[in-house]
Amino acid sequence: MKVHDIEKEIGIDLYTTSTNGIGGTLRQEIDDFIVKEITNREEGDTGKYLVLELKKSNWETHHLIRDLTRKLGISQKRIGFAGTKDKRAVTTQKISIYDLSLEDINNVTLKDSEMNYIGRSDKSIELGDLIGNEFYITVRNTDHSIDELYNQLEIITKDIKQMEGIPNFFGVQRFGSTRPVTHIVGESLVRGDPEDAALKYIAFAFPEEPEDTKSARKYVYETRDYIEGLKLYPLRLRYERSMMDYLIKNPDDYSGAFNVLPRNIQRIFVHAYQSYLFNKILCQRIKEGLPLNRAVEGDIVCFRNKAGLPDTSRIQEVTSTNIDGMNNLIKRKRAFVTAPLIGYQTEFSSGKPGEIEKKIFDETGLTLEDFKVPSTPELASKGVRREILLHTEPSFKADEDELNPGKSKAVLEFTLPKGSYATTLLREYMKVNPLKMS
């Protein structure tokens, strides 16, 4: 089954379910994509942090926080949240605000959002401070009859349940939905070429971009004329414009150009390259017939923490003497097979899994030391391991699509652990160009 080119560019070149996709369109309406955060935090009645439930529609999380802090007249550093949520969606999550009264927040309104009091706490909400997310997704505009759609959903779901989940790929959002460039920039940084990295971030064009943007990027890529680039680039490309402005004032300081970007953006690049290699390792494992839902000799597994999530700080190698016990733990979801997000402290698996990991890494021509990123050491990454199977048990229904006469719609409900992507599951059902899922 053909995988779309944009997915191949991020290291994914296969599907694991066997039937054709249902097609269709995602996010035709904002409330076709509903996300609710799952947290194990319990709030009380006292504490220096005000904790609220934030429900928003068609808001990018950082933009809403920026506008909220402006209305409150406070620093963005006083607001904490566990994770950024999709923009084109209806999302619900907790946020904490330091040293703020309920009366202060009651005087603030933001369009298409509401904030409800939960309690107070002495602990702020931090990134990663969640268990996972619940999803309620509507896929519209499919060409199947309701019965045909139901049958296809049933077959795909059966495949997923037999595999006990799907590969835990990093989805296209990790790399840039319409311009998957972050891992390409990250690779140049790891290779010690910040000039190439900066040029690619500023000027590497992708087919799905608007024509005026592609033309402007092409000009700058060929000429490196940043003065003219500032005249040509749309104002919405504020990060690229900031880097060009810096390079005009500081010629050849390409490492410094990255420092004009927000810290969370800077960190994305090397992490995205690690994610790309992880996707390739996972695809190769599947191609070579190694299972995802059980361990083989040489695998490295991690163990479940108190929240029921994989704890990659606690790992153990699978050997001939412990493999039966490990697979028993994996079957009970108390242990999980992992693969590396490669960094300077990575220890590869042994046996067949290790051969696959080393083969993918050796093809890069890099060394582990390169992930110390000498040109921009603040972006160095020691690496970590990540579970390779995304456990999920989706439910579904098929119905008439009231927005598209003569077409049908699928409604999918599922829960995913933190750090995973809904589109990783949805791609197995839809099998469409990822741009139709953004």
Protein backbone atom coordinates (compact mmCIF):
# COMPACT_ATOMS: atom_id res chain seq x y z
CA MET A 1 0.00 0.00 0.00
CA LYS A 2 1.53 3.30 -1.12
CA VAL A 3 2.71 5.68 1.57
CA HIS A 4 2.64 9.39 0.77
CA ASP A 5 5.90 11.17 -0.01
CA ILE A 6 5.62 13.59 2.91
CA GLU A 7 5.61 10.63 5.32
CA LYS A 8 8.64 9.08 3.66
CA GLU A 9 10.43 12.38 4.27
CA ILE A 10 9.91 11.93 8.03
CA GLY A 11 11.07 8.30 8.07
CA ILE A 12 7.74 6.45 7.75
CA ASP A 13 7.38 4.22 4.68
CA LEU A 14 4.75 1.64 5.63
CA TYR A 15 1.34 0.95 7.14
CA THR A 16 0.76 -1.93 9.53
CA THR A 17 -2.95 -2.48 8.83
CA SER A 18 -3.70 -4.44 5.69
CA THR A 19 -6.91 -2.99 4.22
CA ASN A 20 -7.46 0.15 2.17
CA GLY A 21 -8.14 3.30 4.15
CA ILE A 22 -11.51 4.95 4.54
CA GLY A 23 -10.26 8.21 3.02
CA GLY A 24 -12.22 11.26 4.06
CA THR A 25 -11.40 14.65 5.53
CA LEU A 26 -10.33 15.57 9.04
CA ARG A 27 -11.22 18.83 10.82
CA GLN A 28 -13.85 20.02 8.36
CA GLU A 29 -15.44 21.58 11.44
CA ILE A 30 -13.51 22.68 14.52
CA ASP A 31 -15.50 20.35 16.78
CA ASP A 32 -14.71 17.36 14.57
CA PHE A 33 -11.50 17.10 16.62
CA ILE A 34 -12.11 17.04 20.38
CA VAL A 35 -9.28 16.48 22.86
CA LYS A 36 -9.49 16.24 26.64
CA GLU A 37 -6.40 16.02 28.80
CA ILE A 38 -6.10 13.16 31.29
CA THR A 39 -4.28 14.09 34.48
CA ASN A 40 -3.67 12.46 37.84
CA ARG A 41 -3.26 15.78 39.64
CA GLU A 42 -5.57 16.50 42.55
CA GLU A 43 -6.09 20.12 43.53
CA GLY A 44 -7.03 21.48 46.95
CA ASP A 45 -8.46 24.74 48.28
CA THR A 46 -5.21 26.46 49.19
CA GLY A 47 -1.89 27.23 47.53
CA LYS A 48 -0.07 29.95 45.64
CA TYR A 49 -1.19 28.61 42.23
CA LEU A 50 -4.70 29.11 40.86
CA VAL A 51 -5.67 25.99 38.83
CA LEU A 52 -8.23 26.31 36.04
CA GLU A 53 -9.79 24.12 33.40
CA LEU A 54 -9.20 25.80 30.06
CA LYS A 55 -11.50 24.91 27.18
CA LYS A 56 -10.58 26.50 23.86
CA SER A 57 -11.68 26.28 20.24
CA ASN A 58 -9.40 27.03 17.27
CA TRP A 59 -6.64 28.45 19.46
CA GLU A 60 -2.94 27.62 19.38
CA THR A 61 -1.96 27.15 23.04
CA HIS A 62 0.98 29.56 23.08
CA HIS A 63 -1.03 32.30 21.36
CA LEU A 64 -3.87 31.99 23.86
CA ILE A 65 -1.44 32.13 26.79
CA ARG A 66 0.20 35.21 25.27
CA ASP A 67 -3.13 37.00 24.90
CA LEU A 68 -4.26 35.92 28.37
CA THR A 69 -1.11 37.29 30.03
CA ARG A 70 -1.51 40.58 28.19
CA LYS A 71 -5.04 40.97 29.52
CA LEU A 72 -3.92 40.05 33.04
CA GLY A 73 -0.80 42.22 32.85
CA ILE A 74 1.49 39.39 34.01
CA SER A 75 4.50 37.48 32.67
CA GLN A 76 3.94 34.33 30.62
CA LYS A 77 6.31 32.58 33.04
CA ARG A 78 3.55 32.65 35.67
CA ILE A 79 1.31 30.33 33.62
CA GLY A 80 1.94 26.61 33.49
CA PHE A 81 0.39 23.89 31.35
CA ALA A 82 1.13 20.23 30.73
CA GLY A 83 1.19 20.20 26.94
CA THR A 84 0.34 22.15 23.83
CA LYS A 85 -2.89 21.06 22.17
CA ASP A 86 -4.01 21.09 18.54
CA LYS A 87 -5.08 24.49 17.22
CA ARG A 88 -7.89 23.43 14.90
CA ALA A 89 -9.75 21.54 17.59
CA VAL A 90 -11.82 21.84 20.74
CA THR A 91 -9.46 21.09 23.60
CA THR A 92 -9.73 20.91 27.38
CA GLN A 93 -6.75 21.05 29.71
CA LYS A 94 -5.57 22.31 33.09
CA ILE A 95 -3.50 25.45 33.52
CA SER A 96 -1.96 27.00 36.64
CA ILE A 97 -1.37 30.70 37.28
CA TYR A 98 0.99 31.90 40.00
CA ASP A 99 -0.24 34.41 42.57
CA LEU A 100 -3.61 35.21 41.04
CA SER A 101 -7.07 35.45 42.60
CA LEU A 102 -10.22 33.97 41.16
CA GLU A 103 -11.65 37.48 40.93
CA ASP A 104 -8.78 38.51 38.64
CA ILE A 105 -9.56 35.74 36.17
CA ASN A 106 -13.32 36.34 36.32
CA ASN A 107 -12.73 39.78 34.84
CA VAL A 108 -11.01 38.35 31.74
CA THR A 109 -12.69 37.05 28.59
CA LEU A 110 -11.11 35.60 25.47
CA LYS A 111 -13.10 34.65 22.40
CA ASP A 112 -13.83 30.96 21.81
CA SER A 113 -12.52 29.95 25.22
CA GLU A 114 -13.71 29.50 28.77
CA MET A 115 -11.89 29.02 32.07
CA ASN A 116 -13.45 27.23 35.02
CA TYR A 117 -12.09 27.15 38.57
CA ILE A 118 -10.79 23.78 39.76
CA GLY A 119 -8.85 24.65 42.90
CA ARG A 120 -5.49 25.82 44.17
CA SER A 121 -2.13 24.14 44.58
CA ASP A 122 1.38 24.73 45.87
CA LYS A 123 2.72 23.08 42.71
CA SER A 124 2.56 24.60 39.24
CA ILE A 125 1.50 22.55 36.25
CA GLU A 126 4.60 21.68 34.20
CA LEU A 127 5.18 20.33 30.70
CA GLY A 128 4.59 16.57 30.72
CA ASP A 129 2.43 16.79 33.85
CA LEU A 130 -0.30 14.60 32.38
CA ILE A 131 -1.08 10.94 31.74
CA GLY A 132 -2.50 11.23 28.25
CA ASN A 133 -5.40 12.54 26.20
CA GLU A 134 -8.90 11.38 25.26
CA PHE A 135 -9.93 11.92 21.63
CA TYR A 136 -13.32 12.12 19.97
CA ILE A 137 -12.67 12.42 16.23
CA THR A 138 -15.03 12.75 13.27
CA VAL A 139 -13.75 11.85 9.79
CA ARG A 140 -16.12 13.30 7.19
CA ASN A 141 -16.71 13.14 3.46
CA THR A 142 -15.94 9.46 2.83
CA ASP A 143 -17.15 7.90 -0.41
CA HIS A 144 -18.45 4.70 1.18
CA SER A 145 -21.97 3.67 2.07
CA ILE A 146 -22.55 3.47 5.81
CA ASP A 147 -22.35 -0.33 5.74
CA GLU A 148 -19.15 -0.32 3.67
CA LEU A 149 -17.59 2.25 5.97
CA TYR A 150 -18.53 0.26 9.06
CA ASN A 151 -17.01 -2.92 7.60
CA GLN A 152 -13.73 -1.18 6.78
CA LEU A 153 -13.55 0.39 10.23
CA GLU A 154 -14.17 -3.04 11.74
CA ILE A 155 -11.36 -4.69 9.73
CA ILE A 156 -8.82 -1.99 10.56
CA THR A 157 -9.78 -2.00 14.24
CA LYS A 158 -9.46 -5.79 14.35
CA ASP A 159 -5.93 -5.53 12.88
CA ILE A 160 -4.99 -2.95 15.51
CA LYS A 161 -6.35 -5.05 18.36
CA GLN A 162 -4.53 -8.14 17.11
CA MET A 163 -1.27 -6.18 17.13
CA GLU A 164 -2.26 -4.75 20.55
CA GLY A 165 -1.72 -1.27 19.15
CA ILE A 166 0.20 0.50 16.40
CA PRO A 167 3.81 1.61 15.86
CA ASN A 168 4.60 4.57 18.08
CA PHE A 169 5.73 6.77 15.20
CA PHE A 170 6.35 10.47 15.56
CA GLY A 171 3.63 12.14 13.50
CA VAL A 172 4.13 14.79 10.86
CA GLN A 173 3.34 17.57 13.38
CA ARG A 174 6.70 16.80 15.02
CA PHE A 175 8.42 17.94 11.83
CA GLY A 176 6.10 20.67 10.51
CA SER A 177 2.73 19.82 8.98
CA THR A 178 3.06 21.68 5.67
CA ARG A 179 6.81 22.23 5.81
CA PRO A 180 8.54 19.21 7.40
CA VAL A 181 11.92 20.89 7.72
CA THR A 182 12.80 20.66 11.42
CA HIS A 183 14.63 17.32 11.21
CA ILE A 184 16.57 18.50 8.15
CA VAL A 185 17.73 21.56 10.10
CA GLY A 186 18.52 19.32 13.07
CA GLU A 187 20.67 17.03 10.95
CA SER A 188 22.77 19.97 9.73
CA LEU A 189 23.23 21.16 13.32
CA VAL A 190 24.34 17.69 14.43
CA ARG A 191 26.74 17.56 11.47
CA GLY A 192 28.34 20.77 12.75
CA ASP A 193 27.12 22.99 9.93
CA PRO A 194 25.05 25.82 11.46
CA GLU A 195 25.30 27.82 8.23
CA ASP A 196 23.54 25.10 6.26
CA ALA A 197 21.06 24.63 9.11
CA ALA A 198 20.16 28.33 9.18
CA LEU A 199 19.83 28.53 5.41
CA LYS A 200 17.56 25.49 5.31
CA TYR A 201 15.32 26.82 8.06
CA ILE A 202 15.08 30.24 6.46
CA ALA A 203 14.87 29.29 2.80
CA PHE A 204 14.17 25.60 2.13
CA ALA A 205 10.81 25.60 0.28
CA PHE A 206 8.16 22.87 0.24
CA PRO A 207 5.53 22.19 -2.46
CA GLU A 208 2.50 22.88 -0.29
CA GLU A 209 3.55 26.42 0.62
CA PRO A 210 1.95 29.45 -1.08
CA GLU A 211 3.58 30.41 -4.38
CA ASP A 212 4.81 33.80 -3.12
CA THR A 213 6.46 32.12 -0.13
CA LYS A 214 8.14 29.46 -2.29
CA SER A 215 9.42 32.12 -4.67
CA ALA A 216 10.85 34.21 -1.83
CA ARG A 217 12.52 31.19 -0.21
CA LYS A 218 13.99 30.09 -3.56
CA TYR A 219 15.51 33.54 -4.11
CA VAL A 220 17.15 33.64 -0.68
CA TYR A 221 18.32 30.02 -0.92
CA GLU A 222 20.11 30.78 -4.19
CA THR A 223 21.45 34.26 -3.36
CA ARG A 224 21.68 34.44 0.45
CA ASP A 225 20.54 38.03 0.03
CA TYR A 226 18.90 38.53 3.41
CA ILE A 227 18.31 42.26 2.89
CA GLU A 228 16.12 41.54 -0.13
CA GLY A 229 14.69 38.55 1.71
CA LEU A 230 13.22 40.83 4.38
CA LYS A 231 11.41 42.72 1.63
CA LEU A 232 10.07 39.52 0.06
CA TYR A 233 9.12 37.37 3.06
CA PRO A 234 5.54 37.66 4.34
CA LEU A 235 5.27 39.12 7.85
CA ARG A 236 3.78 35.85 9.12
CA LEU A 237 7.22 34.21 8.70
CA ARG A 238 8.43 36.07 11.76
CA TYR A 239 11.03 33.52 12.86
CA GLU A 240 12.73 33.40 9.46
CA ARG A 241 12.62 37.21 9.29
CA SER A 242 14.19 37.49 12.75
CA MET A 243 17.05 35.20 11.73
CA MET A 244 17.67 37.15 8.51
CA ASP A 245 17.65 40.43 10.42
CA TYR A 246 20.25 39.01 12.81
CA LEU A 247 22.46 37.78 9.95
CA ILE A 248 22.34 41.18 8.26
CA LYS A 249 23.69 42.73 11.46
CA ASN A 250 25.98 39.80 12.32
CA PRO A 251 27.24 38.28 9.05
CA ASP A 252 28.39 34.65 9.30
CA ASP A 253 27.23 34.19 12.92
CA TYR A 254 24.90 31.36 11.99
CA SER A 255 24.93 29.77 15.42
CA GLY A 256 23.93 33.10 16.93
CA ALA A 257 21.05 33.38 14.46
CA PHE A 258 19.36 30.44 16.18
CA ASN A 259 19.46 32.28 19.51
CA VAL A 260 16.86 34.78 18.26
CA LEU A 261 14.32 31.95 18.21
CA PRO A 262 12.31 31.04 21.32
CA ARG A 263 14.01 28.34 23.37
CA ASN A 264 11.23 25.82 22.73
CA ILE A 265 11.67 26.29 18.97
CA GLN A 266 15.45 25.89 19.18
CA ARG A 267 15.09 22.56 20.97
CA ILE A 268 12.80 21.17 18.29
CA PHE A 269 15.49 20.78 15.62
CA VAL A 270 17.81 18.15 17.12
CA HIS A 271 14.85 16.39 18.74
CA ALA A 272 13.12 16.19 15.35
CA TYR A 273 16.20 14.59 13.79
CA GLN A 274 16.26 12.03 16.59
CA SER A 275 12.55 11.40 15.91
CA TYR A 276 13.24 10.87 12.21
CA LEU A 277 15.86 8.22 12.98
CA PHE A 278 13.50 6.58 15.47
CA ASN A 279 10.80 6.32 12.78
CA LYS A 280 13.30 4.71 10.40
CA ILE A 281 14.46 2.21 13.06
CA LEU A 282 10.86 1.27 13.81
CA CYS A 283 10.01 0.78 10.11
CA GLN A 284 13.08 -1.41 9.61
CA ARG A 285 12.16 -3.52 12.64
CA ILE A 286 8.71 -4.14 11.15
CA LYS A 287 10.16 -4.96 7.70
CA GLU A 288 12.50 -7.54 9.25
CA GLY A 289 9.61 -9.25 11.00
CA LEU A 290 10.44 -8.39 14.59
CA PRO A 291 7.36 -8.00 16.79
CA LEU A 292 6.33 -4.79 18.50
CA ASN A 293 4.18 -6.37 21.22
CA ARG A 294 6.79 -8.73 22.59
CA ALA A 295 10.54 -8.72 23.14
CA VAL A 296 13.26 -10.71 21.40
CA GLU A 297 16.74 -11.35 22.74
CA GLY A 298 18.77 -8.17 22.71
CA ASP A 299 15.82 -5.82 23.16
CA ILE A 300 15.88 -3.22 25.90
CA VAL A 301 12.64 -2.85 27.82
CA CYS A 302 11.47 -0.20 30.26
CA PHE A 303 8.98 -0.62 33.09
CA ARG A 304 5.65 0.86 34.08
CA ASN A 305 5.60 3.70 36.61
CA LYS A 306 2.94 4.46 39.22
CA ALA A 307 0.84 6.30 36.64
CA GLY A 308 0.85 3.23 34.38
CA LEU A 309 3.14 4.88 31.82
CA PRO A 310 6.50 3.69 30.45
CA ASP A 311 9.40 4.88 32.62
CA THR A 312 12.42 5.02 30.31
CA SER A 313 14.73 5.78 33.23
CA ARG A 314 14.29 2.14 34.33
CA ILE A 315 15.52 -0.19 31.61
CA GLN A 316 16.81 -3.75 31.30
CA GLU A 317 18.20 -5.86 28.49
CA VAL A 318 16.33 -8.98 27.41
CA THR A 319 18.45 -12.14 27.52
CA SER A 320 17.87 -15.84 26.96
CA THR A 321 17.42 -16.32 30.70
CA ASN A 322 14.85 -13.57 31.35
CA ILE A 323 12.95 -13.39 28.06
CA ASP A 324 9.94 -15.41 29.24
CA GLY A 325 9.54 -13.27 32.33
CA MET A 326 9.96 -10.07 30.34
CA ASN A 327 7.33 -11.08 27.81
CA ASN A 328 4.97 -11.95 30.64
CA LEU A 329 5.43 -8.41 31.99
CA ILE A 330 4.94 -6.97 28.49
CA LYS A 331 1.71 -8.95 28.05
CA ARG A 332 0.44 -7.47 31.33
CA LYS A 333 1.54 -3.96 30.22
CA ARG A 334 4.03 -3.74 33.05
CA ALA A 335 6.99 -3.52 30.66
CA PHE A 336 7.49 -2.10 27.17
CA VAL A 337 9.93 -2.76 24.32
CA THR A 338 11.92 0.36 23.43
CA ALA A 339 14.10 1.81 20.68
CA PRO A 340 16.54 4.70 20.97
CA LEU A 341 16.12 8.39 20.33
CA ILE A 342 19.81 8.53 19.52
CA GLY A 343 22.03 10.95 21.43
CA TYR A 344 25.58 11.17 22.74
CA GLN A 345 24.89 8.75 25.64
CA THR A 346 22.93 6.17 23.63
CA GLU A 347 23.62 2.50 24.31
CA PHE A 348 22.32 0.42 21.44
CA SER A 349 20.44 -2.82 21.93
CA SER A 350 22.21 -6.08 21.18
CA GLY A 351 21.22 -8.99 18.95
CA LYS A 352 18.94 -8.38 15.97
CA PRO A 353 17.36 -5.19 17.40
CA GLY A 354 20.84 -3.73 17.89
CA GLU A 355 21.84 -4.63 14.33
CA ILE A 356 18.83 -2.68 13.03
CA GLU A 357 19.52 0.36 15.24
CA LYS A 358 23.21 0.45 14.29
CA LYS A 359 22.46 -0.04 10.59
CA ILE A 360 20.17 3.00 10.51
CA PHE A 361 22.65 5.07 12.50
CA ASP A 362 25.71 3.96 10.51
CA GLU A 363 23.99 5.11 7.31
CA THR A 364 24.12 8.67 8.66
CA GLY A 365 27.93 8.67 8.86
CA LEU A 366 27.69 10.41 12.24
CA THR A 367 29.19 9.55 15.61
CA LEU A 368 27.36 9.70 18.93
CA GLU A 369 29.66 12.56 19.96
CA ASP A 370 28.15 14.68 17.16
CA PHE A 371 24.97 14.96 19.25
CA LYS A 372 26.90 17.19 21.64
CA VAL A 373 26.49 19.79 18.84
CA PRO A 374 29.75 21.72 19.47
CA SER A 375 28.62 24.67 17.33
CA THR A 376 25.54 25.17 19.52
CA PRO A 377 26.16 23.09 22.68
CA GLU A 378 22.96 24.30 24.33
CA LEU A 379 21.12 22.11 21.79
CA ALA A 380 23.04 18.94 22.71
CA SER A 381 21.00 15.83 23.44
CA LYS A 382 22.13 12.79 25.38
CA GLY A 383 19.30 10.67 23.98
CA VAL A 384 16.62 8.58 25.60
CA ARG A 385 14.61 5.47 24.80
CA ARG A 386 10.98 5.39 23.70
CA GLU A 387 8.42 2.59 23.68
CA ILE A 388 7.84 1.21 20.19
CA LEU A 389 4.19 0.14 20.53
CA LEU A 390 1.39 2.62 21.03
CA HIS A 391 -1.25 0.80 23.05
CA THR A 392 -4.76 1.92 22.16
CA GLU A 393 -8.20 0.35 21.87
CA PRO A 394 -10.30 2.56 19.57
CA SER A 395 -14.07 2.33 19.28
CA PHE A 396 -15.97 3.53 16.23
CA LYS A 397 -19.27 4.10 14.52
CA ALA A 398 -20.36 4.99 10.98
CA ASP A 399 -23.18 7.33 10.02
CA GLU A 400 -24.51 9.72 7.38
CA ASP A 401 -22.49 12.88 6.97
CA GLU A 402 -24.94 15.70 7.57
CA LEU A 403 -22.48 18.28 6.22
CA ASN A 404 -21.76 16.45 2.96
CA PRO A 405 -24.94 15.02 1.36
CA GLY A 406 -24.46 11.56 -0.09
CA LYS A 407 -21.29 10.97 1.90
CA SER A 408 -20.66 9.10 5.15
CA LYS A 409 -18.69 9.87 8.30
CA ALA A 410 -16.74 7.86 10.86
CA VAL A 411 -16.57 8.74 14.54
CA LEU A 412 -13.59 7.36 16.47
CA GLU A 413 -13.02 7.44 20.21
CA PHE A 414 -9.68 6.50 21.75
CA THR A 415 -7.20 7.34 24.48
CA LEU A 416 -3.47 7.84 23.95
CA PRO A 417 -0.64 8.24 26.45
CA LYS A 418 1.28 11.51 26.56
CA GLY A 419 3.94 12.05 23.92
CA SER A 420 2.00 10.18 21.21
CA TYR A 421 0.11 11.47 18.20
CA ALA A 422 -3.53 11.01 17.25
CA THR A 423 -2.58 11.25 13.57
CA THR A 424 -0.36 8.17 14.02
CA LEU A 425 -3.55 6.19 14.66
CA LEU A 426 -5.72 8.09 12.19
CA ARG A 427 -3.28 7.49 9.32
CA GLU A 428 -3.93 3.75 9.65
CA TYR A 429 -7.68 4.34 9.28
CA MET A 430 -7.65 7.06 6.60
CA LYS A 431 -4.50 6.34 4.56
CA VAL A 432 -4.62 9.81 3.02
CA ASN A 433 -2.05 12.54 2.47
CA PRO A 434 -1.16 13.82 5.98
CA LEU A 435 -1.94 17.35 4.83
CA LYS A 436 -5.59 16.30 4.83
CA MET A 437 -5.23 15.59 8.55
CA SER A 438 -3.65 18.90 9.59
